[in-house]
Amino acid sequence: MSLSFKSAVSIAALVAMLPGISHAELLSEMSAYVVTTGSDGVEQYQQADTVKPGQLIEYRIQHQNGFENAISGVAIVGPIPEQAVLSTGTTVSSVGAILEVRGELDPDQPGEEWSTLPAQRIVILEDGTRLIEEAKPEHFSAVRWKLSTPLQSNEVVTNTYRVKVK
């Protein structure tokens, strides 16, 4: 079975959240690549137009501040498609940032919540007992980097993460 990740990338629209300002001057680009390893052990990347179960996909997100001034409060969000699982330990930011993951972590709160890693979730057993356990990569639906410092005028930030197709 092949899955189209091109539509997932465009539909899941990468979000850069900036409180109170227009996104018109924040230039954004997201791309997806199938990652393979050559016989020499070197990783190779091919544009991910379609993918197959078991393949490793690397998302690359790039933002450039087109404003004349630095902007603070930037959070960069990348989706994890339903047909994929986050490959932990593969998230990278070219600038200082706090990484968070989103998932259904607390059954007493509607929807999904953000958490730093390691994320914990509450599981309610059949007898009503509540169990706190470490959330697993298959519980996550998105990643988010909250930049630690303002993004300077014309500065470019690159964030990458990998998922494995189910």
N, C-alpha and C. Protein backbone atom coordinates (compact mmCIF):
# COMPACT_ATOMS: atom_id res chain seq x y z
N MET A 1 0.84 -1.17 0.00
CA MET A 1 0.00 0.00 0.00
C MET A 1 0.88 1.24 0.00
N SER A 2 0.63 2.17 -0.90
CA SER A 2 1.36 3.43 -0.95
C SER A 2 0.49 4.53 -0.38
N LEU A 3 1.11 5.46 0.31
CA LEU A 3 0.40 6.59 0.89
C LEU A 3 0.96 7.86 0.30
N SER A 4 0.11 8.82 0.02
CA SER A 4 0.58 10.10 -0.49
C SER A 4 0.85 11.05 0.66
N PHE A 5 2.11 11.38 0.85
CA PHE A 5 2.48 12.30 1.92
C PHE A 5 2.46 13.74 1.42
N LYS A 6 2.42 13.94 0.11
CA LYS A 6 2.35 15.30 -0.43
C LYS A 6 1.09 15.98 0.06
N SER A 7 -0.05 15.29 -0.01
CA SER A 7 -1.30 15.89 0.45
C SER A 7 -1.30 16.03 1.97
N ALA A 8 -0.70 15.08 2.68
CA ALA A 8 -0.64 15.19 4.14
C ALA A 8 0.14 16.43 4.55
N VAL A 9 1.21 16.72 3.84
CA VAL A 9 2.02 17.90 4.17
C VAL A 9 1.23 19.16 3.88
N SER A 10 0.55 19.24 2.74
CA SER A 10 -0.17 20.47 2.41
C SER A 10 -1.43 20.61 3.26
N ILE A 11 -2.15 19.54 3.55
CA ILE A 11 -3.35 19.62 4.35
C ILE A 11 -3.01 19.90 5.81
N ALA A 12 -1.97 19.25 6.31
CA ALA A 12 -1.62 19.41 7.71
C ALA A 12 -0.92 20.74 7.96
N ALA A 13 -0.75 21.54 6.95
CA ALA A 13 -0.20 22.89 7.00
C ALA A 13 0.61 23.19 8.24
N LEU A 14 1.86 23.22 8.06
CA LEU A 14 2.79 23.59 9.11
C LEU A 14 2.40 24.94 9.66
N VAL A 15 2.43 25.07 10.96
CA VAL A 15 2.00 26.31 11.61
C VAL A 15 3.17 26.92 12.36
N ALA A 16 3.37 28.19 12.17
CA ALA A 16 4.28 28.96 13.02
C ALA A 16 3.38 29.92 13.77
N MET A 17 3.29 29.74 15.07
CA MET A 17 2.36 30.55 15.86
C MET A 17 3.07 31.78 16.38
N LEU A 18 2.58 32.93 16.02
CA LEU A 18 3.13 34.21 16.46
C LEU A 18 1.98 35.03 17.01
N PRO A 19 1.91 35.19 18.32
CA PRO A 19 0.78 35.91 18.89
C PRO A 19 0.69 37.33 18.37
N GLY A 20 -0.47 37.67 17.80
CA GLY A 20 -0.78 39.04 17.47
C GLY A 20 -0.14 39.63 16.23
N ILE A 21 0.51 38.85 15.36
CA ILE A 21 1.06 39.44 14.14
C ILE A 21 0.71 38.61 12.93
N SER A 22 0.78 39.23 11.78
CA SER A 22 0.45 38.57 10.53
C SER A 22 1.55 37.59 10.15
N HIS A 23 1.20 36.51 9.45
CA HIS A 23 2.18 35.52 9.00
C HIS A 23 2.75 35.88 7.63
N ALA A 24 2.33 37.01 7.06
CA ALA A 24 2.71 37.37 5.70
C ALA A 24 4.22 37.50 5.52
N GLU A 25 4.93 37.86 6.55
CA GLU A 25 6.38 38.07 6.43
C GLU A 25 7.20 36.94 7.01
N LEU A 26 6.57 35.88 7.45
CA LEU A 26 7.29 34.71 7.93
C LEU A 26 7.25 33.69 6.81
N LEU A 27 8.36 33.53 6.12
CA LEU A 27 8.42 32.64 4.97
C LEU A 27 8.64 31.21 5.47
N SER A 28 7.80 30.29 5.04
CA SER A 28 7.84 28.92 5.52
C SER A 28 7.91 27.92 4.37
N GLU A 29 8.64 26.87 4.61
CA GLU A 29 8.74 25.79 3.61
C GLU A 29 8.87 24.48 4.36
N MET A 30 8.13 23.48 3.91
CA MET A 30 8.21 22.14 4.50
C MET A 30 8.39 21.13 3.39
N SER A 31 9.30 20.19 3.59
CA SER A 31 9.53 19.15 2.60
C SER A 31 9.67 17.81 3.31
N ALA A 32 9.43 16.73 2.57
CA ALA A 32 9.50 15.38 3.12
C ALA A 32 10.38 14.52 2.22
N TYR A 33 11.23 13.70 2.86
CA TYR A 33 12.17 12.85 2.13
C TYR A 33 12.14 11.43 2.69
N VAL A 34 12.22 10.43 1.80
CA VAL A 34 12.42 9.05 2.22
C VAL A 34 13.90 8.90 2.52
N VAL A 35 14.21 8.35 3.70
CA VAL A 35 15.60 8.17 4.12
C VAL A 35 15.99 6.71 3.94
N THR A 36 17.07 6.47 3.21
CA THR A 36 17.62 5.13 3.06
C THR A 36 19.11 5.20 3.38
N THR A 37 19.69 4.05 3.62
CA THR A 37 21.12 3.99 3.89
C THR A 37 21.79 3.19 2.79
N GLY A 38 22.78 3.80 2.16
CA GLY A 38 23.51 3.14 1.09
C GLY A 38 24.41 2.04 1.62
N SER A 39 24.98 1.24 0.73
CA SER A 39 25.86 0.14 1.12
C SER A 39 27.10 0.65 1.86
N ASP A 40 27.42 1.94 1.64
CA ASP A 40 28.57 2.54 2.33
C ASP A 40 28.20 3.11 3.70
N GLY A 41 26.92 2.94 4.11
CA GLY A 41 26.47 3.41 5.41
C GLY A 41 26.06 4.88 5.43
N VAL A 42 26.13 5.54 4.29
CA VAL A 42 25.75 6.95 4.21
C VAL A 42 24.27 7.08 3.89
N GLU A 43 23.60 7.97 4.63
CA GLU A 43 22.18 8.18 4.39
C GLU A 43 21.95 8.87 3.06
N GLN A 44 20.86 8.47 2.40
CA GLN A 44 20.45 9.07 1.12
C GLN A 44 19.01 9.54 1.27
N TYR A 45 18.66 10.61 0.55
CA TYR A 45 17.34 11.23 0.67
C TYR A 45 16.70 11.33 -0.71
N GLN A 46 15.43 10.94 -0.79
CA GLN A 46 14.67 11.05 -2.04
C GLN A 46 13.34 11.71 -1.70
N GLN A 47 12.92 12.68 -2.52
CA GLN A 47 11.65 13.37 -2.30
C GLN A 47 10.54 12.35 -2.06
N ALA A 48 9.74 12.56 -1.02
CA ALA A 48 8.70 11.60 -0.62
C ALA A 48 7.37 11.96 -1.24
N ASP A 49 7.18 11.63 -2.52
CA ASP A 49 5.90 11.86 -3.17
C ASP A 49 4.89 10.80 -2.72
N THR A 50 5.32 9.56 -2.66
CA THR A 50 4.53 8.46 -2.10
C THR A 50 5.48 7.63 -1.24
N VAL A 51 4.93 6.98 -0.24
CA VAL A 51 5.76 6.17 0.66
C VAL A 51 5.08 4.84 0.91
N LYS A 52 5.86 3.90 1.46
CA LYS A 52 5.35 2.56 1.75
C LYS A 52 5.58 2.24 3.22
N PRO A 53 4.79 1.32 3.76
CA PRO A 53 4.98 0.91 5.16
C PRO A 53 6.43 0.49 5.41
N GLY A 54 6.92 0.90 6.56
CA GLY A 54 8.29 0.56 6.97
C GLY A 54 9.32 1.61 6.59
N GLN A 55 8.96 2.53 5.70
CA GLN A 55 9.93 3.55 5.29
C GLN A 55 10.08 4.63 6.35
N LEU A 56 11.27 5.21 6.39
CA LEU A 56 11.59 6.30 7.29
C LEU A 56 11.49 7.60 6.50
N ILE A 57 10.70 8.56 7.03
CA ILE A 57 10.49 9.84 6.35
C ILE A 57 11.10 10.95 7.21
N GLU A 58 11.85 11.83 6.58
CA GLU A 58 12.39 12.99 7.29
C GLU A 58 11.67 14.24 6.80
N TYR A 59 11.07 14.97 7.73
CA TYR A 59 10.45 16.25 7.43
C TYR A 59 11.45 17.34 7.74
N ARG A 60 11.57 18.30 6.84
CA ARG A 60 12.43 19.46 7.03
C ARG A 60 11.56 20.70 6.94
N ILE A 61 11.61 21.50 7.99
CA ILE A 61 10.81 22.71 8.08
C ILE A 61 11.77 23.89 8.18
N GLN A 62 11.57 24.87 7.31
CA GLN A 62 12.45 26.04 7.33
C GLN A 62 11.59 27.30 7.38
N HIS A 63 11.96 28.20 8.28
CA HIS A 63 11.28 29.49 8.41
C HIS A 63 12.32 30.60 8.31
N GLN A 64 11.94 31.67 7.63
CA GLN A 64 12.81 32.86 7.57
C GLN A 64 11.99 34.06 8.03
N ASN A 65 12.58 34.83 8.94
CA ASN A 65 11.92 36.04 9.44
C ASN A 65 12.10 37.15 8.42
N GLY A 66 11.04 37.51 7.74
CA GLY A 66 11.08 38.58 6.75
C GLY A 66 10.72 39.94 7.32
N PHE A 67 10.44 40.00 8.61
CA PHE A 67 10.15 41.28 9.25
C PHE A 67 11.43 42.09 9.42
N GLU A 68 11.31 43.37 9.61
CA GLU A 68 12.48 44.23 9.85
C GLU A 68 13.00 44.08 11.27
N ASN A 69 12.18 43.55 12.16
CA ASN A 69 12.56 43.39 13.56
C ASN A 69 12.56 41.92 13.94
N ALA A 70 13.21 41.62 15.07
CA ALA A 70 13.18 40.26 15.62
C ALA A 70 11.77 39.95 16.09
N ILE A 71 11.38 38.69 16.05
CA ILE A 71 10.08 38.27 16.56
C ILE A 71 10.29 37.22 17.64
N SER A 72 9.53 37.33 18.70
CA SER A 72 9.65 36.37 19.79
C SER A 72 8.35 35.59 19.91
N GLY A 73 8.37 34.57 20.74
CA GLY A 73 7.18 33.75 20.93
C GLY A 73 6.90 32.82 19.77
N VAL A 74 7.91 32.48 19.00
CA VAL A 74 7.71 31.63 17.83
C VAL A 74 7.64 30.16 18.26
N ALA A 75 6.61 29.46 17.78
CA ALA A 75 6.47 28.02 17.98
C ALA A 75 6.27 27.40 16.61
N ILE A 76 7.07 26.42 16.30
CA ILE A 76 7.00 25.75 15.00
C ILE A 76 6.41 24.37 15.20
N VAL A 77 5.34 24.08 14.46
CA VAL A 77 4.60 22.83 14.63
C VAL A 77 4.73 21.98 13.36
N GLY A 78 5.00 20.70 13.55
CA GLY A 78 5.03 19.76 12.44
C GLY A 78 4.10 18.60 12.73
N PRO A 79 3.27 18.21 11.77
CA PRO A 79 2.32 17.12 11.98
C PRO A 79 2.98 15.75 11.92
N ILE A 80 2.39 14.80 12.61
CA ILE A 80 2.75 13.40 12.47
C ILE A 80 1.53 12.73 11.85
N PRO A 81 1.62 12.32 10.58
CA PRO A 81 0.45 11.71 9.93
C PRO A 81 -0.06 10.49 10.70
N GLU A 82 -1.36 10.23 10.60
CA GLU A 82 -1.96 9.08 11.27
C GLU A 82 -1.29 7.77 10.88
N GLN A 83 -0.77 7.70 9.66
CA GLN A 83 -0.16 6.48 9.15
C GLN A 83 1.31 6.36 9.54
N ALA A 84 1.77 7.17 10.51
CA ALA A 84 3.19 7.17 10.87
C ALA A 84 3.38 7.31 12.37
N VAL A 85 4.59 6.98 12.82
CA VAL A 85 4.96 7.07 14.23
C VAL A 85 6.26 7.87 14.32
N LEU A 86 6.32 8.79 15.28
CA LEU A 86 7.52 9.59 15.49
C LEU A 86 8.71 8.69 15.78
N SER A 87 9.81 8.95 15.13
CA SER A 87 11.06 8.24 15.40
C SER A 87 11.80 9.08 16.44
N THR A 88 11.75 8.64 17.69
CA THR A 88 12.32 9.44 18.77
C THR A 88 13.82 9.61 18.60
N GLY A 89 14.31 10.71 19.11
CA GLY A 89 15.74 11.00 19.03
C GLY A 89 16.15 11.58 17.68
N THR A 90 15.20 11.93 16.82
CA THR A 90 15.53 12.44 15.49
C THR A 90 15.12 13.89 15.30
N THR A 91 14.64 14.53 16.36
CA THR A 91 14.19 15.91 16.25
C THR A 91 15.38 16.85 16.44
N VAL A 92 15.52 17.81 15.52
CA VAL A 92 16.65 18.72 15.55
C VAL A 92 16.17 20.14 15.25
N SER A 93 16.73 21.11 15.94
CA SER A 93 16.46 22.52 15.66
C SER A 93 17.80 23.21 15.48
N SER A 94 17.88 24.10 14.49
CA SER A 94 19.14 24.81 14.24
C SER A 94 19.37 25.94 15.23
N VAL A 95 18.37 26.24 16.04
CA VAL A 95 18.50 27.24 17.10
C VAL A 95 17.97 26.64 18.39
N GLY A 96 18.28 27.26 19.51
CA GLY A 96 17.79 26.77 20.80
C GLY A 96 16.27 26.75 20.83
N ALA A 97 15.71 25.62 21.26
CA ALA A 97 14.27 25.48 21.30
C ALA A 97 13.88 24.39 22.29
N ILE A 98 12.68 24.50 22.80
CA ILE A 98 12.12 23.48 23.68
C ILE A 98 11.21 22.60 22.82
N LEU A 99 11.48 21.31 22.81
CA LEU A 99 10.69 20.36 22.03
C LEU A 99 9.52 19.86 22.86
N GLU A 100 8.34 19.84 22.23
CA GLU A 100 7.15 19.27 22.85
C GLU A 100 6.47 18.33 21.86
N VAL A 101 5.68 17.41 22.39
CA VAL A 101 4.89 16.51 21.56
C VAL A 101 3.42 16.69 21.96
N ARG A 102 2.52 16.39 21.01
CA ARG A 102 1.09 16.51 21.28
C ARG A 102 0.44 15.14 21.20
N GLY A 103 -0.46 14.89 22.13
CA GLY A 103 -1.20 13.64 22.12
C GLY A 103 -2.29 13.67 23.17
N GLU A 104 -3.13 12.64 23.17
CA GLU A 104 -4.17 12.51 24.20
C GLU A 104 -3.50 11.92 25.43
N LEU A 105 -3.19 12.79 26.38
CA LEU A 105 -2.40 12.39 27.54
C LEU A 105 -3.23 12.33 28.82
N ASP A 106 -4.32 13.11 28.88
CA ASP A 106 -5.14 13.19 30.09
C ASP A 106 -6.61 13.00 29.70
N PRO A 107 -7.21 11.86 30.06
CA PRO A 107 -8.60 11.60 29.67
C PRO A 107 -9.60 12.57 30.29
N ASP A 108 -9.19 13.31 31.32
CA ASP A 108 -10.08 14.28 31.95
C ASP A 108 -10.11 15.62 31.20
N GLN A 109 -9.23 15.79 30.24
CA GLN A 109 -9.20 17.01 29.43
C GLN A 109 -9.60 16.64 27.99
N PRO A 110 -10.54 17.38 27.42
CA PRO A 110 -10.94 17.07 26.04
C PRO A 110 -9.81 17.41 25.07
N GLY A 111 -9.63 16.58 24.06
CA GLY A 111 -8.62 16.84 23.04
C GLY A 111 -7.23 16.43 23.46
N GLU A 112 -6.27 17.00 22.75
CA GLU A 112 -4.87 16.65 22.96
C GLU A 112 -4.15 17.75 23.73
N GLU A 113 -3.07 17.35 24.39
CA GLU A 113 -2.27 18.28 25.16
C GLU A 113 -0.82 18.23 24.68
N TRP A 114 -0.09 19.31 24.96
CA TRP A 114 1.35 19.37 24.66
C TRP A 114 2.14 19.00 25.90
N SER A 115 3.28 18.33 25.70
CA SER A 115 4.15 17.95 26.80
C SER A 115 5.59 17.87 26.31
N THR A 116 6.51 18.17 27.21
CA THR A 116 7.91 17.91 26.91
C THR A 116 8.15 16.40 27.06
N LEU A 117 9.28 15.94 26.58
CA LEU A 117 9.63 14.52 26.72
C LEU A 117 10.47 14.32 27.97
N PRO A 118 10.37 13.24 28.67
CA PRO A 118 9.43 12.15 28.39
C PRO A 118 8.01 12.55 28.81
N ALA A 119 7.07 12.33 27.93
CA ALA A 119 5.67 12.65 28.19
C ALA A 119 5.03 11.50 28.96
N GLN A 120 4.12 11.86 29.85
CA GLN A 120 3.37 10.84 30.58
C GLN A 120 1.91 10.95 30.20
N ARG A 121 1.21 9.82 30.29
CA ARG A 121 -0.21 9.83 30.01
C ARG A 121 -0.93 9.03 31.08
N ILE A 122 -2.20 9.36 31.26
CA ILE A 122 -3.04 8.67 32.23
C ILE A 122 -3.89 7.66 31.49
N VAL A 123 -3.86 6.42 31.95
CA VAL A 123 -4.66 5.35 31.37
C VAL A 123 -5.66 4.90 32.43
N ILE A 124 -6.92 4.79 32.05
CA ILE A 124 -7.95 4.32 32.97
C ILE A 124 -8.23 2.86 32.64
N LEU A 125 -7.97 1.98 33.62
CA LEU A 125 -8.18 0.55 33.43
C LEU A 125 -9.67 0.22 33.53
N GLU A 126 -10.05 -0.99 33.13
CA GLU A 126 -11.45 -1.41 33.13
C GLU A 126 -12.10 -1.27 34.51
N ASP A 127 -11.33 -1.49 35.58
CA ASP A 127 -11.89 -1.40 36.93
C ASP A 127 -11.92 0.04 37.46
N GLY A 128 -11.54 1.01 36.60
CA GLY A 128 -11.55 2.42 36.99
C GLY A 128 -10.25 2.93 37.59
N THR A 129 -9.31 2.02 37.80
CA THR A 129 -8.01 2.41 38.34
C THR A 129 -7.27 3.27 37.32
N ARG A 130 -6.61 4.30 37.81
CA ARG A 130 -5.83 5.19 36.94
C ARG A 130 -4.36 4.80 37.04
N LEU A 131 -3.75 4.70 35.89
CA LEU A 131 -2.35 4.32 35.80
C LEU A 131 -1.62 5.41 35.04
N ILE A 132 -0.50 5.87 35.57
CA ILE A 132 0.33 6.85 34.86
C ILE A 132 1.48 6.09 34.23
N GLU A 133 1.62 6.27 32.91
CA GLU A 133 2.69 5.58 32.18
C GLU A 133 3.37 6.55 31.23
N GLU A 134 4.56 6.18 30.80
CA GLU A 134 5.25 7.01 29.81
C GLU A 134 4.56 6.85 28.46
N ALA A 135 4.24 7.99 27.85
CA ALA A 135 3.62 7.96 26.53
C ALA A 135 4.63 7.45 25.51
N LYS A 136 4.15 6.71 24.54
CA LYS A 136 5.01 6.13 23.52
C LYS A 136 4.88 6.93 22.22
N PRO A 137 5.84 6.80 21.32
CA PRO A 137 5.79 7.56 20.06
C PRO A 137 4.48 7.39 19.29
N GLU A 138 3.84 6.24 19.37
CA GLU A 138 2.59 6.05 18.64
C GLU A 138 1.43 6.85 19.22
N HIS A 139 1.63 7.46 20.38
CA HIS A 139 0.59 8.30 21.00
C HIS A 139 0.66 9.75 20.53
N PHE A 140 1.67 10.12 19.76
CA PHE A 140 1.88 11.53 19.39
C PHE A 140 1.32 11.85 18.00
N SER A 141 0.73 13.04 17.88
CA SER A 141 0.15 13.48 16.61
C SER A 141 0.87 14.68 16.01
N ALA A 142 1.79 15.29 16.77
CA ALA A 142 2.53 16.45 16.26
C ALA A 142 3.73 16.71 17.15
N VAL A 143 4.67 17.46 16.60
CA VAL A 143 5.82 17.95 17.37
C VAL A 143 5.79 19.48 17.31
N ARG A 144 6.38 20.11 18.33
CA ARG A 144 6.43 21.57 18.35
C ARG A 144 7.73 22.00 19.00
N TRP A 145 8.38 22.98 18.36
CA TRP A 145 9.56 23.61 18.93
C TRP A 145 9.17 25.02 19.34
N LYS A 146 9.37 25.37 20.61
CA LYS A 146 9.17 26.74 21.08
C LYS A 146 10.56 27.36 21.14
N LEU A 147 10.80 28.32 20.22
CA LEU A 147 12.14 28.91 20.13
C LEU A 147 12.50 29.62 21.43
N SER A 148 13.73 29.40 21.89
CA SER A 148 14.20 29.95 23.16
C SER A 148 14.58 31.42 23.06
N THR A 149 14.92 31.87 21.87
CA THR A 149 15.32 33.26 21.68
C THR A 149 14.54 33.84 20.50
N PRO A 150 14.46 35.18 20.43
CA PRO A 150 13.76 35.79 19.30
C PRO A 150 14.42 35.41 17.97
N LEU A 151 13.61 35.32 16.93
CA LEU A 151 14.09 35.05 15.58
C LEU A 151 14.44 36.40 14.97
N GLN A 152 15.72 36.61 14.70
CA GLN A 152 16.21 37.89 14.21
C GLN A 152 15.76 38.15 12.77
N SER A 153 15.75 39.41 12.38
CA SER A 153 15.38 39.79 11.02
C SER A 153 16.26 39.04 10.03
N ASN A 154 15.64 38.43 9.04
CA ASN A 154 16.28 37.63 7.99
C ASN A 154 16.90 36.32 8.48
N GLU A 155 16.80 36.03 9.75
CA GLU A 155 17.34 34.77 10.27
C GLU A 155 16.50 33.60 9.76
N VAL A 156 17.18 32.48 9.50
CA VAL A 156 16.52 31.26 9.04
C VAL A 156 16.68 30.20 10.13
N VAL A 157 15.59 29.53 10.46
CA VAL A 157 15.62 28.43 11.41
C VAL A 157 15.17 27.17 10.67
N THR A 158 15.87 26.08 10.93
CA THR A 158 15.53 24.79 10.31
C THR A 158 15.25 23.78 11.42
N ASN A 159 14.13 23.07 11.28
CA ASN A 159 13.76 22.02 12.21
C ASN A 159 13.51 20.75 11.41
N THR A 160 13.98 19.63 11.93
CA THR A 160 13.76 18.35 11.25
C THR A 160 13.25 17.31 12.26
N TYR A 161 12.48 16.37 11.75
CA TYR A 161 12.06 15.24 12.55
C TYR A 161 11.76 14.10 11.59
N ARG A 162 11.78 12.89 12.14
CA ARG A 162 11.55 11.70 11.32
C ARG A 162 10.39 10.89 11.85
N VAL A 163 9.70 10.25 10.93
CA VAL A 163 8.61 9.34 11.27
C VAL A 163 8.81 8.04 10.50
N LYS A 164 8.29 6.96 11.07
CA LYS A 164 8.31 5.68 10.37
C LYS A 164 6.88 5.38 9.94
N VAL A 165 6.71 5.03 8.67
CA VAL A 165 5.39 4.72 8.13
C VAL A 165 4.93 3.38 8.65
N LYS A 166 3.67 3.34 9.14
CA LYS A 166 3.10 2.09 9.67
C LYS A 166 2.80 1.13 8.54
